[in-house]
C-alpha atoms as a PDB file:
ATOM      1  CA  MET A   1    -105.698  48.173 -10.895  1.00  0.00           C
ATOM      2  CA  ALA A   2    -102.639  50.341 -10.332  1.00  0.00           C
ATOM      3  CA  ARG A   3    -102.301  52.144  -6.996  1.00  0.00           C
ATOM      4  CA  ALA A   4    -102.838  55.924  -7.283  1.00  0.00           C
ATOM      5  CA  SER A   5    -100.214  58.041  -5.585  1.00  0.00           C
ATOM      6  CA  PHE A   6    -101.403  61.100  -3.647  1.00  0.00           C
ATOM      7  CA  LEU A   7     -98.259  62.900  -4.836  1.00  0.00           C
ATOM      8  CA  SER A   8     -99.407  62.414  -8.444  1.00  0.00           C
ATOM      9  CA  ILE A   9    -101.987  65.220  -7.994  1.00  0.00           C
ATOM     10  CA  GLY A  10     -99.105  67.661  -8.199  1.00  0.00           C
ATOM     11  CA  ASN A  11     -98.324  70.422  -5.591  1.00  0.00           C
ATOM     12  CA  PRO A  12    -100.938  69.949  -2.838  1.00  0.00           C
ATOM     13  CA  ARG A  13    -100.670  73.608  -1.786  1.00  0.00           C
ATOM     14  CA  LYS A  14    -101.693  74.660  -5.280  1.00  0.00           C
ATOM     15  CA  VAL A  15    -104.444  72.045  -5.507  1.00  0.00           C
ATOM     16  CA  ILE A  16    -105.897  73.329  -2.207  1.00  0.00           C
ATOM     17  CA  GLU A  17    -105.889  76.935  -3.426  1.00  0.00           C
ATOM     18  CA  GLN A  18    -107.540  75.942  -6.741  1.00  0.00           C
ATOM     19  CA  LEU A  19    -110.188  73.912  -5.028  1.00  0.00           C
ATOM     20  CA  ARG A  20    -110.897  76.356  -2.271  1.00  0.00           C
ATOM     21  CA  PRO A  21    -114.033  77.949  -3.915  1.00  0.00           C
ATOM     22  CA  LEU A  22    -115.495  74.464  -4.611  1.00  0.00           C
ATOM     23  CA  LEU A  23    -114.854  72.416  -1.448  1.00  0.00           C
ATOM     24  CA  THR A  24    -115.776  72.669   2.185  1.00  0.00           C
ATOM     25  CA  ALA A  25    -113.207  73.376   4.872  1.00  0.00           C
ATOM     26  CA  GLN A  26    -113.536  69.726   5.918  1.00  0.00           C
ATOM     27  CA  GLU A  27    -112.730  68.531   2.298  1.00  0.00           C
ATOM     28  CA  LEU A  28    -109.812  70.779   1.953  1.00  0.00           C
ATOM     29  CA  GLN A  29    -108.601  69.549   5.272  1.00  0.00           C
ATOM     30  CA  LYS A  30    -108.572  65.988   3.942  1.00  0.00           C
ATOM     31  CA  ILE A  31    -106.064  67.063   1.282  1.00  0.00           C
ATOM     32  CA  GLU A  32    -103.946  68.887   3.823  1.00  0.00           C
ATOM     33  CA  ASP A  33    -103.943  65.829   6.002  1.00  0.00           C
ATOM     34  CA  ALA A  34    -102.882  63.636   3.119  1.00  0.00           C
ATOM     35  CA  ALA A  35    -100.134  66.016   2.295  1.00  0.00           C
ATOM     36  CA  ASN A  36     -98.957  66.023   6.003  1.00  0.00           C
ATOM     37  CA  ALA A  37     -98.980  62.317   5.895  1.00  0.00           C
ATOM     38  CA  GLN A  38     -96.546  62.323   3.094  1.00  0.00           C
ATOM     39  CA  VAL A  39     -94.439  64.777   4.955  1.00  0.00           C
ATOM     40  CA  GLN A  40     -94.198  62.444   7.842  1.00  0.00           C
ATOM     41  CA  LEU A  41     -93.369  59.566   5.654  1.00  0.00           C
ATOM     42  CA  LEU A  42     -90.487  61.465   4.104  1.00  0.00           C
ATOM     43  CA  PHE A  43     -89.265  62.210   7.608  1.00  0.00           C
ATOM     44  CA  ASP A  44     -89.585  58.623   8.621  1.00  0.00           C
ATOM     45  CA  LEU A  45     -87.508  57.690   5.641  1.00  0.00           C
ATOM     46  CA  ALA A  46     -84.886  60.185   6.598  1.00  0.00           C
ATOM     47  CA  LEU A  47     -84.625  58.724  10.041  1.00  0.00           C
ATOM     48  CA  SER A  48     -84.532  55.239   8.670  1.00  0.00           C
ATOM     49  CA  HIS A  49     -81.505  56.168   6.499  1.00  0.00           C
ATOM     50  CA  PHE A  50     -79.804  57.951   9.319  1.00  0.00           C
ATOM     51  CA  ARG A  51     -80.271  55.050  11.775  1.00  0.00           C
ATOM     52  CA  PHE A  52     -79.069  52.462   9.288  1.00  0.00           C
ATOM     53  CA  SER A  53     -75.802  54.603   8.642  1.00  0.00           C
ATOM     54  CA  GLU A  54     -75.276  54.950  12.409  1.00  0.00           C
ATOM     55  CA  ARG A  55     -75.393  51.176  12.868  1.00  0.00           C
ATOM     56  CA  LEU A  56     -72.774  50.486  10.215  1.00  0.00           C
ATOM     57  CA  ALA A  57     -69.119  50.111  11.164  1.00  0.00           C
ATOM     58  CA  ASN A  58     -66.705  52.808   9.894  1.00  0.00           C
ATOM     59  CA  ALA A  59     -65.212  50.105   7.562  1.00  0.00           C
ATOM     60  CA  HIS A  60     -68.432  50.476   5.501  1.00  0.00           C
ATOM     61  CA  TRP A  61     -67.692  54.135   4.924  1.00  0.00           C
ATOM     62  CA  ARG A  62     -69.153  54.131   1.322  1.00  0.00           C
ATOM     63  CA  GLN A  63     -72.565  52.986   2.567  1.00  0.00           C
ATOM     64  CA  ARG A  64     -72.479  55.224   5.585  1.00  0.00           C
ATOM     65  CA  ILE A  65     -71.847  58.362   3.524  1.00  0.00           C
ATOM     66  CA  SER A  66     -74.512  57.363   1.021  1.00  0.00           C
ATOM     67  CA  ARG A  67     -77.119  56.737   3.684  1.00  0.00           C
ATOM     68  CA  TYR A  68     -76.249  59.932   5.477  1.00  0.00           C
ATOM     69  CA  TYR A  69     -76.796  61.861   2.257  1.00  0.00           C
ATOM     70  CA  TYR A  70     -80.142  60.122   1.619  1.00  0.00           C
ATOM     71  CA  ALA A  71     -81.158  60.900   5.211  1.00  0.00           C
ATOM     72  CA  ALA A  72     -80.464  64.592   4.507  1.00  0.00           C
ATOM     73  CA  TYR A  73     -82.084  64.448   1.080  1.00  0.00           C
ATOM     74  CA  SER A  74     -85.251  62.904   2.410  1.00  0.00           C
ATOM     75  CA  ALA A  75     -85.488  65.452   5.292  1.00  0.00           C
ATOM     76  CA  SER A  76     -84.976  68.239   2.623  1.00  0.00           C
ATOM     77  CA  LYS A  77     -87.789  66.830   0.625  1.00  0.00           C
ATOM     78  CA  CYS A  78     -89.956  66.658   3.753  1.00  0.00           C
ATOM     79  CA  VAL A  79     -89.383  70.466   4.335  1.00  0.00           C
ATOM     80  CA  ARG A  80     -89.907  71.448   0.761  1.00  0.00           C
ATOM     81  CA  LEU A  81     -93.248  69.319   0.454  1.00  0.00           C
ATOM     82  CA  PHE A  82     -94.394  70.854   3.719  1.00  0.00           C
ATOM     83  CA  VAL A  83     -93.685  74.490   3.107  1.00  0.00           C
ATOM     84  CA  GLN A  84     -93.876  74.749  -0.755  1.00  0.00           C
ATOM     85  CA  GLY A  85     -95.919  71.650  -1.770  1.00  0.00           C
ATOM     86  CA  GLU A  86     -92.960  70.726  -3.977  1.00  0.00           C
ATOM     87  CA  HIS A  87     -92.162  67.107  -4.623  1.00  0.00           C
ATOM     88  CA  SER A  88     -90.149  65.647  -7.413  1.00  0.00           C
ATOM     89  CA  LYS A  89     -88.802  62.229  -8.509  1.00  0.00           C
ATOM     90  CA  GLU A  90     -86.469  63.743 -11.028  1.00  0.00           C
ATOM     91  CA  VAL A  91     -82.672  63.253 -10.740  1.00  0.00           C
ATOM     92  CA  ALA A  92     -82.221  67.056 -10.890  1.00  0.00           C
ATOM     93  CA  ASP A  93     -84.019  67.350  -7.593  1.00  0.00           C
ATOM     94  CA  HIS A  94     -80.843  66.109  -5.723  1.00  0.00           C
ATOM     95  CA  LYS A  95     -79.352  69.496  -6.627  1.00  0.00           C
ATOM     96  CA  LYS A  96     -81.902  70.961  -4.211  1.00  0.00           C
ATOM     97  CA  VAL A  97     -80.770  69.028  -1.223  1.00  0.00           C
ATOM     98  CA  GLY A  98     -79.746  72.172   0.599  1.00  0.00           C
ATOM     99  CA  ALA A  99     -82.538  74.374  -0.916  1.00  0.00           C
ATOM    100  CA  VAL A 100     -84.414  74.895   2.375  1.00  0.00           C
ATOM    101  CA  PRO A 101     -86.622  78.028   2.951  1.00  0.00           C
ATOM    102  CA  ASN A 102     -84.840  81.186   3.824  1.00  0.00           C
ATOM    103  CA  ASP A 103     -86.078  81.113   7.443  1.00  0.00           C
ATOM    104  CA  PHE A 104     -84.731  77.609   8.072  1.00  0.00           C
ATOM    105  CA  PRO A 105     -82.096  77.580  10.913  1.00  0.00           C
ATOM    106  CA  ASP A 106     -78.472  77.619   9.596  1.00  0.00           C
ATOM    107  CA  ARG A 107     -79.616  77.724   6.079  1.00  0.00           C
ATOM    108  CA  ALA A 108     -76.367  78.838   4.618  1.00  0.00           C
ATOM    109  CA  LEU A 109     -74.525  76.049   6.401  1.00  0.00           C
ATOM    110  CA  TYR A 110     -76.867  73.362   5.048  1.00  0.00           C
ATOM    111  CA  GLU A 111     -76.910  74.799   1.530  1.00  0.00           C
ATOM    112  CA  ALA A 112     -73.072  74.493   1.439  1.00  0.00           C
ATOM    113  CA  GLN A 113     -72.384  71.395   3.402  1.00  0.00           C
ATOM    114  CA  LEU A 114     -75.217  69.286   2.070  1.00  0.00           C
ATOM    115  CA  ALA A 115     -73.974  69.926  -1.450  1.00  0.00           C
ATOM    116  CA  VAL A 116     -70.485  68.807  -0.475  1.00  0.00           C
ATOM    117  CA  LEU A 117     -72.088  65.703   1.209  1.00  0.00           C
ATOM    118  CA  ARG A 118     -73.847  65.041  -2.108  1.00  0.00           C
ATOM    119  CA  GLU A 119     -70.568  65.158  -3.945  1.00  0.00           C
ATOM    120  CA  ASP A 120     -69.073  62.768  -1.466  1.00  0.00           C
ATOM    121  CA  ARG A 121     -72.075  60.459  -1.811  1.00  0.00           C
ATOM    122  CA  ASN A 122     -71.698  60.492  -5.724  1.00  0.00           C
ATOM    123  CA  SER A 123     -68.027  59.566  -5.323  1.00  0.00           C
ATOM    124  CA  CYS A 124     -68.844  56.768  -2.882  1.00  0.00           C
ATOM    125  CA  ASP A 125     -71.549  55.368  -5.088  1.00  0.00           C
ATOM    126  CA  TYR A 126     -70.008  55.771  -8.501  1.00  0.00           C
ATOM    127  CA  ASP A 127     -66.213  56.130  -8.263  1.00  0.00           C
ATOM    128  CA  HIS A 128     -64.731  52.612  -7.405  1.00  0.00           C
ATOM    129  CA  GLU A 129     -61.216  54.207  -7.044  1.00  0.00           C
ATOM    130  CA  PHE A 130     -62.318  56.832  -4.516  1.00  0.00           C
ATOM    131  CA  SER A 131     -60.893  56.263  -1.006  1.00  0.00           C
ATOM    132  CA  VAL A 132     -62.017  57.171   2.393  1.00  0.00           C
ATOM    133  CA  GLY A 133     -59.181  59.664   2.691  1.00  0.00           C
ATOM    134  CA  GLU A 134     -60.622  61.657  -0.132  1.00  0.00           C
ATOM    135  CA  LEU A 135     -63.902  62.314   1.627  1.00  0.00           C
ATOM    136  CA  VAL A 136     -64.380  66.153   2.084  1.00  0.00           C
ATOM    137  CA  ILE A 137     -66.733  65.478   5.004  1.00  0.00           C
ATOM    138  CA  SER A 138     -65.641  62.652   7.370  1.00  0.00           C
ATOM    139  CA  GLN A 139     -67.965  60.134   8.561  1.00  0.00           C
ATOM    140  CA  ARG A 140     -68.188  61.677  12.022  1.00  0.00           C
ATOM    141  CA  GLU A 141     -68.787  65.109  10.480  1.00  0.00           C
ATOM    142  CA  ALA A 142     -71.475  63.717   8.275  1.00  0.00           C
ATOM    143  CA  SER A 143     -73.181  62.128  11.175  1.00  0.00           C
ATOM    144  CA  GLU A 144     -73.189  65.299  13.146  1.00  0.00           C
ATOM    145  CA  LEU A 145     -74.287  67.401  10.135  1.00  0.00           C
ATOM    146  CA  VAL A 146     -77.080  65.155   9.324  1.00  0.00           C
ATOM    147  CA  ARG A 147     -78.239  64.678  12.981  1.00  0.00           C
ATOM    148  CA  LYS A 148     -78.386  68.425  13.337  1.00  0.00           C
ATOM    149  CA  PHE A 149     -80.257  68.727  10.091  1.00  0.00           C
ATOM    150  CA  LEU A 150     -82.746  66.212  11.175  1.00  0.00           C
ATOM    151  CA  ILE A 151     -83.325  67.961  14.491  1.00  0.00           C
ATOM    152  CA  ASP A 152     -83.674  71.323  12.813  1.00  0.00           C
ATOM    153  CA  THR A 153     -86.149  69.827  10.353  1.00  0.00           C
ATOM    154  CA  LYS A 154     -88.313  68.416  13.114  1.00  0.00           C
ATOM    155  CA  VAL A 155     -88.112  71.648  15.056  1.00  0.00           C
ATOM    156  CA  TYR A 156     -88.856  73.880  11.913  1.00  0.00           C
ATOM    157  CA  VAL A 157     -91.762  71.875  10.697  1.00  0.00           C
ATOM    158  CA  GLY A 158     -93.104  71.694  14.255  1.00  0.00           C
ATOM    159  CA  GLY A 159     -92.898  75.413  14.597  1.00  0.00           C
ATOM    160  CA  ARG A 160     -95.019  75.668  11.495  1.00  0.00           C
ATOM    161  CA  GLY A 161     -97.756  73.513  12.893  1.00  0.00           C
ATOM    162  CA  LEU A 162     -96.948  69.882  12.151  1.00  0.00           C
ATOM    163  CA  ALA A 163     -95.382  67.765  14.982  1.00  0.00           C
ATOM    164  CA  LEU A 164     -93.202  65.148  13.268  1.00  0.00           C
ATOM    165  CA  ALA A 165     -93.150  61.889  15.042  1.00  0.00           C
ATOM    166  CA  GLY A 166     -89.848  60.027  15.441  1.00  0.00           C
ATOM    167  CA  LYS A 167     -86.751  60.599  17.659  1.00  0.00           C
ATOM    168  CA  VAL A 168     -83.548  61.714  16.023  1.00  0.00           C
END
């Protein structure tokens, strides 16, 4: 039997609102808890990508930039799932890497810089002639940007009621 994915139900925020007249508060809380577990798993994935990148030597710059990007992307998905109930496996979702809520700290910075990091990641992953000197965001800058984004993600989600586990 195939494993059912919680995220296949669609937007958990919308599901809760649709089922509110039919289910008890305890039953609705089970859906909320399952959604929050997915939020935590996305944050765990973000931390895993970030830590992996941090352990690599600078000589592995392609992998480092790629993993920094995926750390930021997973954190972005974490925030979007938590706040809006939004989750997508579609390639086009990568365009939303910097699409955090309007009240997210330094939103304009992340919207601009994470898009640039995405372009650097695309070059690292898909352009074999691309060189380290062509990076728009250096490895050090990428590390600092993503570390700050992860910290801001943890603080932001925590301020909205869900304490994310894991040290950045």
